[in-house]
Protein backbone atom coordinates (compact mmCIF):
# COMPACT_ATOMS: atom_id res chain seq x y z
CA MET A 1 -39.13 -35.82 -20.90
CA ALA A 2 -39.70 -33.82 -24.05
CA ASP A 3 -42.12 -30.95 -24.12
CA GLY A 4 -44.33 -32.73 -26.61
CA GLU A 5 -44.54 -35.77 -24.34
CA ARG A 6 -45.39 -33.60 -21.37
CA ASP A 7 -48.12 -31.84 -23.27
CA ALA A 8 -49.56 -35.13 -24.35
CA SER A 9 -49.65 -36.38 -20.78
CA TYR A 10 -51.22 -33.19 -19.52
CA PRO A 11 -53.54 -31.90 -22.22
CA GLY A 12 -54.73 -28.32 -22.00
CA THR A 13 -51.69 -27.06 -20.08
CA ASN A 14 -50.74 -24.45 -22.67
CA LEU A 15 -51.44 -20.87 -21.60
CA ARG A 16 -53.22 -18.41 -23.89
CA ARG A 17 -51.06 -15.81 -25.64
CA GLU A 18 -53.04 -12.58 -25.23
CA LEU A 19 -50.52 -9.91 -24.22
CA GLY A 20 -48.74 -7.34 -26.38
CA LEU A 21 -45.97 -4.81 -25.68
CA ALA A 22 -48.20 -2.11 -24.19
CA THR A 23 -50.02 -4.55 -21.90
CA VAL A 24 -46.83 -6.21 -20.65
CA THR A 25 -45.15 -2.84 -20.11
CA LEU A 26 -48.09 -1.41 -18.18
CA SER A 27 -48.38 -4.60 -16.14
CA GLY A 28 -44.71 -4.22 -15.26
CA VAL A 29 -45.12 -0.58 -14.33
CA GLY A 30 -48.14 -1.61 -12.25
CA ILE A 31 -46.24 -3.99 -10.01
CA ILE A 32 -43.12 -1.79 -9.80
CA LEU A 33 -45.10 1.33 -8.91
CA GLY A 34 -46.86 -0.29 -6.00
CA ALA A 35 -46.70 -0.51 -2.26
CA GLY A 36 -42.95 0.09 -2.11
CA ILE A 37 -43.02 3.79 -2.94
CA TYR A 38 -46.26 4.38 -1.03
CA ALA A 39 -45.05 2.71 2.17
CA LEU A 40 -41.25 2.84 2.21
CA LEU A 41 -40.51 6.43 1.21
CA GLY A 42 -40.67 7.61 4.82
CA GLU A 43 -38.34 4.88 6.10
CA ALA A 44 -35.85 5.61 3.32
CA ALA A 45 -35.96 9.35 4.02
CA GLY A 46 -34.95 8.66 7.62
CA MET A 47 -31.76 7.00 6.33
CA ALA A 48 -30.90 9.14 3.30
CA GLY A 49 -32.40 12.51 4.24
CA ASN A 50 -33.37 14.87 1.43
CA ALA A 51 -31.14 12.84 -0.88
CA VAL A 52 -33.70 10.04 -0.80
CA TRP A 53 -34.30 10.63 -4.52
CA LEU A 54 -30.73 9.52 -5.13
CA THR A 55 -31.40 6.14 -3.49
CA PHE A 56 -33.90 5.35 -6.23
CA LEU A 57 -31.25 6.04 -8.87
CA VAL A 58 -28.77 3.76 -7.10
CA ALA A 59 -31.36 1.00 -6.75
CA ALA A 60 -32.43 1.51 -10.37
CA ALA A 61 -28.84 1.14 -11.60
CA VAL A 62 -28.47 -2.17 -9.76
CA ALA A 63 -31.91 -3.33 -10.89
CA GLY A 64 -31.18 -2.24 -14.46
CA LEU A 65 -28.06 -4.39 -14.71
CA SER A 66 -30.00 -7.46 -13.60
CA ALA A 67 -32.91 -6.47 -15.85
CA LEU A 68 -30.59 -6.68 -18.86
CA SER A 69 -29.63 -10.21 -17.80
CA TYR A 70 -33.31 -11.12 -17.48
CA ALA A 71 -33.93 -9.62 -20.90
CA GLU A 72 -31.24 -11.76 -22.56
CA LEU A 73 -32.30 -14.95 -20.80
CA SER A 74 -36.01 -14.39 -21.45
CA SER A 75 -35.28 -13.91 -25.15
CA ILE A 76 -33.56 -17.33 -25.19
CA TYR A 77 -36.01 -19.20 -22.94
CA PRO A 78 -39.46 -17.51 -23.00
CA LYS A 79 -40.99 -19.73 -20.31
CA ALA A 80 -43.40 -18.99 -17.44
CA SER A 81 -41.01 -20.74 -15.05
CA ALA A 82 -38.50 -17.93 -15.76
CA GLU A 83 -35.66 -18.06 -13.19
CA PHE A 84 -36.11 -21.80 -12.72
CA GLU A 85 -35.67 -22.34 -16.46
CA TYR A 86 -32.67 -20.01 -16.77
CA VAL A 87 -30.73 -21.39 -13.81
CA SER A 88 -31.58 -24.96 -14.76
CA ARG A 89 -30.05 -24.44 -18.20
CA ALA A 90 -26.91 -22.87 -16.76
CA PHE A 91 -26.28 -24.66 -13.45
CA GLY A 92 -28.62 -27.64 -13.40
CA GLY A 93 -31.86 -28.58 -11.70
CA ARG A 94 -30.87 -28.49 -8.04
CA LEU A 95 -29.76 -24.85 -7.86
CA ALA A 96 -32.66 -23.94 -10.14
CA PHE A 97 -35.03 -25.61 -7.72
CA VAL A 98 -33.64 -23.57 -4.81
CA VAL A 99 -33.93 -20.33 -6.79
CA GLY A 100 -37.46 -21.20 -7.89
CA TRP A 101 -38.53 -21.85 -4.32
CA LEU A 102 -36.97 -18.57 -3.16
CA ILE A 103 -38.86 -16.66 -5.84
CA ILE A 104 -42.14 -18.31 -4.88
CA ILE A 105 -41.54 -17.61 -1.17
CA SER A 106 -40.56 -13.98 -1.77
CA GLY A 107 -43.66 -13.41 -3.92
CA ILE A 108 -45.98 -14.95 -1.35
CA LEU A 109 -44.32 -13.14 1.54
CA GLY A 110 -44.38 -9.86 -0.36
CA ALA A 111 -48.04 -10.28 -1.32
CA ALA A 112 -48.98 -11.00 2.30
CA THR A 113 -47.12 -7.92 3.51
CA VAL A 114 -48.72 -5.67 0.91
CA ALA A 115 -52.15 -7.14 1.72
CA LEU A 116 -51.59 -6.07 5.32
CA GLY A 117 -50.76 -2.59 4.05
CA PHE A 118 -54.03 -2.58 2.13
CA ALA A 119 -55.88 -3.72 5.27
CA GLY A 120 -54.44 -0.84 7.28
CA TYR A 121 -55.71 1.77 4.83
CA PHE A 122 -59.03 -0.03 4.31
CA SER A 123 -59.74 -0.47 8.01
CA ASP A 124 -59.08 3.21 8.69
CA LEU A 125 -61.32 4.34 5.85
CA VAL A 126 -64.20 1.86 6.16
CA GLY A 127 -63.97 0.51 9.70
CA LEU A 128 -63.80 -3.21 8.90
CA PRO A 129 -61.54 -5.37 11.11
CA PHE A 130 -57.89 -5.50 10.07
CA LEU A 131 -57.26 -9.22 9.45
CA PRO A 132 -60.56 -9.95 7.65
CA SER A 133 -59.81 -7.02 5.34
CA ALA A 134 -56.47 -8.59 4.40
CA VAL A 135 -58.05 -11.99 3.79
CA MET A 136 -60.81 -10.37 1.75
CA ILE A 137 -58.44 -8.66 -0.68
CA ILE A 138 -56.43 -11.87 -1.19
CA LEU A 139 -59.59 -13.83 -2.03
CA ILE A 140 -60.81 -11.14 -4.44
CA LEU A 141 -57.45 -10.99 -6.20
CA SER A 142 -57.37 -14.79 -6.46
CA CYS A 143 -60.73 -14.79 -8.23
CA ILE A 144 -59.43 -12.18 -10.69
CA LEU A 145 -56.34 -14.30 -11.38
CA ILE A 146 -58.41 -17.41 -12.09
CA ALA A 147 -60.88 -15.47 -14.27
CA GLY A 148 -58.28 -15.05 -17.03
CA ILE A 149 -55.03 -13.35 -17.99
CA ARG A 150 -56.86 -10.76 -20.11
CA GLU A 151 -59.12 -9.90 -17.16
CA THR A 152 -56.14 -9.80 -14.79
CA ALA A 153 -54.18 -7.54 -17.12
CA GLY A 154 -57.21 -5.26 -17.52
CA VAL A 155 -57.64 -4.88 -13.77
CA ALA A 156 -53.89 -4.37 -13.31
CA ILE A 157 -53.73 -1.68 -15.99
CA SER A 158 -56.74 0.14 -14.51
CA MET A 159 -55.21 0.15 -11.03
CA THR A 160 -51.86 1.15 -12.52
CA MET A 161 -53.45 4.25 -14.02
CA ILE A 162 -54.94 5.14 -10.64
CA GLU A 163 -51.71 4.68 -8.70
CA VAL A 164 -49.73 6.58 -11.34
CA ALA A 165 -52.30 9.37 -10.99
CA GLY A 166 -51.56 9.43 -7.25
CA ILE A 167 -47.83 9.72 -7.87
CA VAL A 168 -48.35 12.43 -10.49
CA MET A 169 -50.63 14.24 -8.06
CA VAL A 170 -47.87 14.32 -5.41
CA ILE A 171 -45.38 15.52 -8.05
CA LEU A 172 -47.72 18.37 -9.03
CA ILE A 173 -48.31 19.24 -5.38
CA GLY A 174 -44.56 19.57 -4.90
CA LEU A 175 -43.90 21.87 -7.87
CA PRO A 176 -44.50 25.15 -5.98
CA TYR A 177 -42.19 23.93 -3.20
CA LEU A 178 -39.18 23.06 -5.38
CA GLY A 179 -35.88 24.53 -4.19
CA ARG A 180 -36.89 24.87 -0.53
CA VAL A 181 -34.47 22.20 0.77
CA ASP A 182 -30.93 20.95 0.15
CA TYR A 183 -31.49 17.89 -2.02
CA LEU A 184 -28.07 16.45 -1.16
CA GLU A 185 -28.52 16.60 2.62
CA MET A 186 -27.66 13.13 4.00
CA PRO A 187 -27.84 12.89 7.84
CA LEU A 188 -26.10 9.48 7.86
CA GLY A 189 -23.78 10.11 4.92
CA ILE A 190 -22.96 7.57 2.21
CA PRO A 191 -23.59 4.53 4.49
CA GLY A 192 -27.13 5.79 5.14
CA LEU A 193 -27.61 6.37 1.42
CA LEU A 194 -26.57 2.80 0.59
CA GLN A 195 -28.70 1.36 3.41
CA ALA A 196 -31.70 3.28 2.08
CA SER A 197 -30.90 2.11 -1.46
CA ALA A 198 -30.96 -1.49 -0.26
CA LEU A 199 -34.38 -0.84 1.34
CA VAL A 200 -36.01 0.94 -1.61
CA PHE A 201 -34.89 -1.86 -3.92
CA PHE A 202 -38.18 -3.42 -2.80
CA ALA A 203 -39.89 -0.61 -4.72
CA TYR A 204 -38.42 -2.05 -7.93
CA MET A 205 -39.60 -5.57 -7.16
CA GLY A 206 -41.65 -6.54 -10.15
CA PHE A 207 -39.49 -6.00 -13.20
CA GLU A 208 -38.25 -9.59 -12.81
CA GLU A 209 -41.84 -10.81 -12.59
CA MET A 210 -42.57 -9.58 -16.11
CA VAL A 211 -40.65 -12.48 -17.65
CA LYS A 212 -43.15 -14.89 -16.09
CA LEU A 213 -45.72 -13.60 -18.59
CA SER A 214 -43.65 -15.03 -21.46
CA GLU A 215 -46.01 -17.93 -22.20
CA GLU A 216 -48.97 -15.54 -22.31
CA THR A 217 -47.27 -12.91 -24.50
CA ARG A 218 -47.23 -12.63 -28.27
CA ASN A 219 -43.68 -12.73 -29.71
CA PRO A 220 -42.18 -12.96 -26.19
CA GLU A 221 -38.56 -13.19 -27.39
CA ARG A 222 -38.68 -9.52 -28.41
CA THR A 223 -41.66 -8.15 -26.47
CA ILE A 224 -40.46 -9.06 -22.96
CA PRO A 225 -36.95 -7.49 -23.18
CA VAL A 226 -38.29 -4.22 -24.62
CA ALA A 227 -41.10 -4.07 -22.04
CA LEU A 228 -38.58 -4.66 -19.24
CA VAL A 229 -36.43 -1.70 -20.21
CA ILE A 230 -39.37 0.67 -20.79
CA ALA A 231 -41.15 -0.23 -17.53
CA LEU A 232 -37.98 0.23 -15.47
CA ALA A 233 -37.23 3.60 -17.09
CA ILE A 234 -40.77 4.93 -16.52
CA SER A 235 -40.78 3.78 -12.89
CA THR A 236 -37.38 5.28 -12.12
CA LEU A 237 -38.36 8.66 -13.54
CA LEU A 238 -41.57 8.77 -11.48
CA TYR A 239 -39.75 7.62 -8.31
CA VAL A 240 -37.12 10.35 -8.57
CA LEU A 241 -39.67 13.08 -9.30
CA VAL A 242 -42.04 12.08 -6.49
CA SER A 243 -39.17 11.80 -3.99
CA VAL A 244 -37.97 15.31 -4.82
CA ALA A 245 -41.55 16.60 -4.52
CA ALA A 246 -42.14 14.91 -1.16
CA VAL A 247 -39.04 16.25 0.59
CA SER A 248 -39.70 19.68 -0.93
CA VAL A 249 -43.11 19.86 0.78
CA VAL A 250 -42.42 18.39 4.22
CA GLY A 251 -38.66 17.79 4.48
CA TRP A 252 -37.01 14.48 5.33
CA GLU A 253 -37.51 14.81 9.11
CA GLN A 254 -41.32 14.95 8.94
CA LEU A 255 -41.42 12.46 6.07
CA SER A 256 -39.43 9.89 8.07
CA THR A 257 -41.96 9.85 10.93
CA SER A 258 -45.04 9.29 8.74
CA ARG A 259 -46.64 5.87 8.18
CA ALA A 260 -48.47 7.30 5.14
CA PRO A 261 -45.87 9.60 3.55
CA PHE A 262 -47.77 10.44 0.37
CA ALA A 263 -50.95 11.21 2.28
CA GLU A 264 -48.89 13.35 4.67
CA VAL A 265 -47.54 15.42 1.79
CA ALA A 266 -51.04 15.89 0.36
CA ALA A 267 -52.46 16.86 3.75
CA VAL A 268 -49.78 19.49 4.39
CA ALA A 269 -50.27 21.08 0.98
CA LEU A 270 -54.02 20.67 0.39
CA GLY A 271 -55.69 19.67 3.66
CA PRO A 272 -57.50 16.58 5.05
CA THR A 273 -59.59 15.93 1.91
CA ALA A 274 -56.41 15.32 -0.05
CA PHE A 275 -55.23 12.96 2.70
CA THR A 276 -58.34 10.83 2.19
CA LEU A 277 -57.97 10.90 -1.60
CA ILE A 278 -54.35 9.73 -1.50
CA SER A 279 -55.30 7.03 1.02
CA VAL A 280 -57.93 5.70 -1.40
CA ILE A 281 -55.37 5.71 -4.20
CA ALA A 282 -53.00 3.81 -1.90
CA LEU A 283 -55.64 1.06 -1.67
CA PHE A 284 -55.41 0.54 -5.42
CA ALA A 285 -51.60 0.67 -5.33
CA THR A 286 -51.29 -1.99 -2.64
CA ALA A 287 -53.98 -4.18 -4.21
CA ASN A 288 -52.27 -3.97 -7.59
CA THR A 289 -48.90 -4.94 -6.14
CA ALA A 290 -50.40 -7.92 -4.32
CA LEU A 291 -52.21 -8.98 -7.50
CA MET A 292 -49.04 -8.97 -9.60
CA MET A 293 -46.98 -10.72 -6.90
CA MET A 294 -49.56 -13.49 -6.66
CA LEU A 295 -49.66 -13.68 -10.47
CA ALA A 296 -45.89 -14.13 -10.62
CA SER A 297 -45.78 -16.73 -7.83
CA SER A 298 -48.59 -18.76 -9.40
CA ARG A 299 -46.87 -18.69 -12.81
CA ILE A 300 -43.50 -19.91 -11.58
CA THR A 301 -45.29 -22.56 -9.49
CA TYR A 302 -47.11 -23.64 -12.65
CA GLY A 303 -43.86 -23.62 -14.61
CA MET A 304 -42.00 -25.74 -12.08
CA ALA A 305 -44.90 -28.18 -11.86
CA SER A 306 -44.93 -28.42 -15.66
CA SER A 307 -41.27 -29.46 -15.41
CA PHE A 308 -42.21 -32.09 -12.80
CA SER A 309 -40.15 -30.30 -10.14
CA LEU A 310 -43.33 -29.71 -8.12
CA PRO A 311 -46.43 -31.91 -7.91
CA PRO A 312 -47.89 -32.13 -11.45
CA SER A 313 -51.33 -31.27 -10.08
CA LEU A 314 -50.09 -27.68 -9.70
CA ALA A 315 -49.74 -27.50 -13.50
CA ARG A 316 -53.47 -27.92 -14.08
CA VAL A 317 -54.99 -25.24 -16.29
CA HIS A 318 -58.64 -24.22 -16.16
CA PRO A 319 -60.32 -25.50 -19.36
CA ARG A 320 -62.27 -22.28 -19.96
CA THR A 321 -60.07 -19.45 -18.68
CA GLN A 322 -56.75 -21.22 -19.45
CA THR A 323 -55.19 -20.03 -16.21
CA PRO A 324 -53.21 -22.19 -13.73
CA TRP A 325 -56.02 -22.39 -11.20
CA THR A 326 -54.54 -24.97 -8.80
CA ALA A 327 -51.27 -23.04 -8.51
CA THR A 328 -53.24 -19.83 -7.93
CA ILE A 329 -55.30 -21.39 -5.13
CA VAL A 330 -52.19 -22.78 -3.40
CA VAL A 331 -50.47 -19.37 -3.63
CA ALA A 332 -53.58 -17.68 -2.18
CA ILE A 333 -53.71 -20.10 0.76
CA ALA A 334 -50.01 -19.63 1.46
CA THR A 335 -50.38 -15.84 1.24
CA ILE A 336 -53.17 -15.90 3.81
CA ALA A 337 -50.99 -18.06 6.07
CA PHE A 338 -48.22 -15.44 5.95
CA LEU A 339 -50.44 -12.52 6.95
CA PHE A 340 -48.58 -12.36 10.26
CA ALA A 341 -45.22 -11.88 8.54
CA GLY A 342 -44.37 -8.62 10.35
CA GLU A 343 -43.67 -4.94 9.65
CA ILE A 344 -43.41 -3.98 6.00
CA ASP A 345 -39.88 -2.48 6.18
CA PHE A 346 -38.39 -5.60 7.79
CA VAL A 347 -40.20 -8.01 5.48
CA ALA A 348 -39.29 -5.82 2.50
CA ASN A 349 -35.62 -6.26 3.37
CA VAL A 350 -36.04 -10.02 3.82
CA THR A 351 -37.69 -10.10 0.41
CA ASN A 352 -34.80 -8.01 -0.94
CA PHE A 353 -32.37 -10.62 0.37
CA THR A 354 -34.06 -13.32 -1.70
CA LEU A 355 -34.05 -11.00 -4.72
CA PHE A 356 -30.37 -10.14 -4.33
CA ALA A 357 -29.45 -13.82 -4.03
CA THR A 358 -31.52 -14.61 -7.12
CA PHE A 359 -30.07 -11.74 -9.16
CA ILE A 360 -26.53 -12.86 -8.41
CA VAL A 361 -27.35 -16.30 -9.80
CA ILE A 362 -29.21 -14.82 -12.80
CA ASN A 363 -26.25 -12.63 -13.77
CA ALA A 364 -23.93 -15.60 -13.32
CA SER A 365 -26.22 -17.67 -15.58
CA VAL A 366 -25.80 -15.16 -18.42
CA ILE A 367 -22.01 -15.33 -18.03
CA LEU A 368 -21.91 -19.13 -17.91
CA LEU A 369 -24.22 -19.59 -20.91
CA ARG A 370 -22.06 -17.24 -22.99
CA TYR A 371 -19.27 -19.80 -22.55
CA ARG A 372 -21.26 -23.05 -22.55
CA ALA A 373 -23.73 -22.19 -25.31
CA PRO A 374 -22.24 -19.32 -27.34
CA ASP A 375 -24.20 -20.22 -30.47
CA LEU A 376 -27.67 -20.07 -28.90
CA PRO A 377 -29.96 -17.61 -30.73
CA ARG A 378 -30.18 -14.46 -28.59
CA PRO A 379 -32.86 -12.09 -29.95
CA PHE A 380 -31.72 -9.71 -27.21
CA ARG A 381 -28.03 -9.64 -26.35
CA ILE A 382 -26.45 -7.55 -23.58
CA PRO A 383 -23.95 -5.15 -25.17
CA GLY A 384 -20.34 -4.89 -24.08
CA SER A 385 -18.08 -7.93 -23.83
CA ILE A 386 -14.40 -8.71 -23.33
CA GLY A 387 -13.98 -11.80 -25.45
CA SER A 388 -16.82 -14.09 -24.38
CA LEU A 389 -17.19 -12.36 -20.99
CA PRO A 390 -20.17 -9.97 -20.80
CA VAL A 391 -19.09 -7.01 -18.65
CA LEU A 392 -22.44 -5.69 -17.39
CA PRO A 393 -23.51 -8.94 -15.65
CA VAL A 394 -20.18 -8.90 -13.78
CA ILE A 395 -20.87 -5.35 -12.63
CA GLY A 396 -24.41 -6.48 -11.77
CA ILE A 397 -23.08 -9.16 -9.43
CA ALA A 398 -20.65 -6.74 -7.75
CA SER A 399 -23.24 -3.97 -7.24
CA THR A 400 -25.82 -6.44 -5.92
CA LEU A 401 -23.29 -7.73 -3.37
CA ILE A 402 -22.68 -4.14 -2.20
CA LEU A 403 -26.38 -3.57 -1.50
CA LEU A 404 -26.67 -7.03 0.07
CA ALA A 405 -23.90 -6.12 2.52
CA HIS A 406 -25.89 -3.08 3.69
CA LEU A 407 -28.88 -5.09 4.91
CA GLU A 408 -29.38 -5.44 8.66
CA PRO A 409 -27.60 -8.39 10.37
CA LEU A 410 -30.93 -9.91 11.44
CA VAL A 411 -32.16 -9.75 7.83
CA LEU A 412 -28.97 -11.44 6.63
CA LEU A 413 -29.37 -14.14 9.28
CA LEU A 414 -33.01 -14.78 8.43
CA GLY A 415 -32.28 -14.65 4.70
CA GLY A 416 -29.47 -17.17 5.09
CA PHE A 417 -31.80 -19.44 7.05
CA MET A 418 -34.38 -19.18 4.23
CA VAL A 419 -31.75 -20.21 1.68
CA VAL A 420 -30.73 -23.26 3.74
CA LEU A 421 -34.36 -24.18 4.39
CA ALA A 422 -35.22 -23.77 0.72
CA ALA A 423 -32.27 -25.97 -0.24
CA VAL A 424 -33.36 -28.74 2.12
CA ILE A 425 -36.99 -28.57 0.97
CA ALA A 426 -35.89 -28.38 -2.65
CA LEU A 427 -33.77 -31.50 -2.41
CA LEU A 428 -36.51 -33.47 -0.61
CA TRP A 429 -39.22 -32.48 -3.09
CA GLU A 430 -36.95 -32.97 -6.07
CA GLU A 431 -36.05 -36.51 -5.05
CA ARG A 432 -39.65 -37.40 -4.31
CA TRP A 433 -41.32 -36.02 -7.41
CA ARG A 434 -38.58 -36.70 -9.92
CA GLY A 435 -38.39 -40.25 -8.61
CA ALA A 436 -42.13 -40.62 -9.17
CA VAL A 437 -41.99 -39.61 -12.85
């Protein structure tokens, strides 16, 4: 069915284009600089030692290669359905459906995990019960999402500034301690470094979500690719600096045993008041990450429903706020249902599995489209090719496979089960809803 026909059948489904380069970039930085660095730094330090800063460079290199593929594809197909659209164009609807489902599941699972992280900080500070605190933040964030994309972006940017302030604060705290440790000390060697790199990849989760803002961004063909690169560069720089600062203050041994690593660093250097301050900042960081994950999941749900690959009712847009309100409500309900997902490090690695699998397909999509549709307009084109073969996506696939191989066996088993389950569900839903159109 043509886009014009779909729009005629479902009037009012167009999203409002409100976002510019600065807003998209800051939104991207907001979701990247979230719960990952605040919660996973200690776990990563236990694997990589004082060289934990290096794990963020390794993860950034792998993420950067896939980010370039996202940039090229988003410049060709600036759609809210993002990965679903790209893979559908390259490999067809069935694989695209599986990838779309995996992205939705990973976003919901990640948001639930981060909401639990928020609840832990909030319960300790305020005294409210743990589970109601998690449900409360999900409901509040859902209301913000439905209120409008401009309102959502405003809240996200405000919380981004706060969480960046927390990271900068830890960096400044660490300045007097620089040079006190061996920054290449790796207790588990290169295998530990790669295992930690696979874990902290969760801290970069978010750059791929930026492309889902394409239908709400002005001039998305150029704005999204540039915002992707800038947001990833800013985040990597801050991650490296804050990692160096943290191990300089407390060393990797103490850092690895802390459930609140940033607060631990602040407490050692400045006392208990600083511990409370960093904990409050962590509330904004976790809330912001959950907000952006739910935003991304609702947008790809909306995009798939607009393509009639999910129930069309999920493509309904609020007449006043012009946000996909039914998709947002469904994502919120599913997020609440997953509040018992487990410990953040394990769930982070399960989420990483879905991301790695998706990135392999995304890089492959760039390669295949270079051969199948070489004349497509590409406002952003990945540099470096041998004939029609783009080199960097090939390296992206290889490097992603290396990190994938360093995930725990149980994570690989569960991730494989999720892929099979997603494929079965995808085929059932596809047959049902496509047959109904």
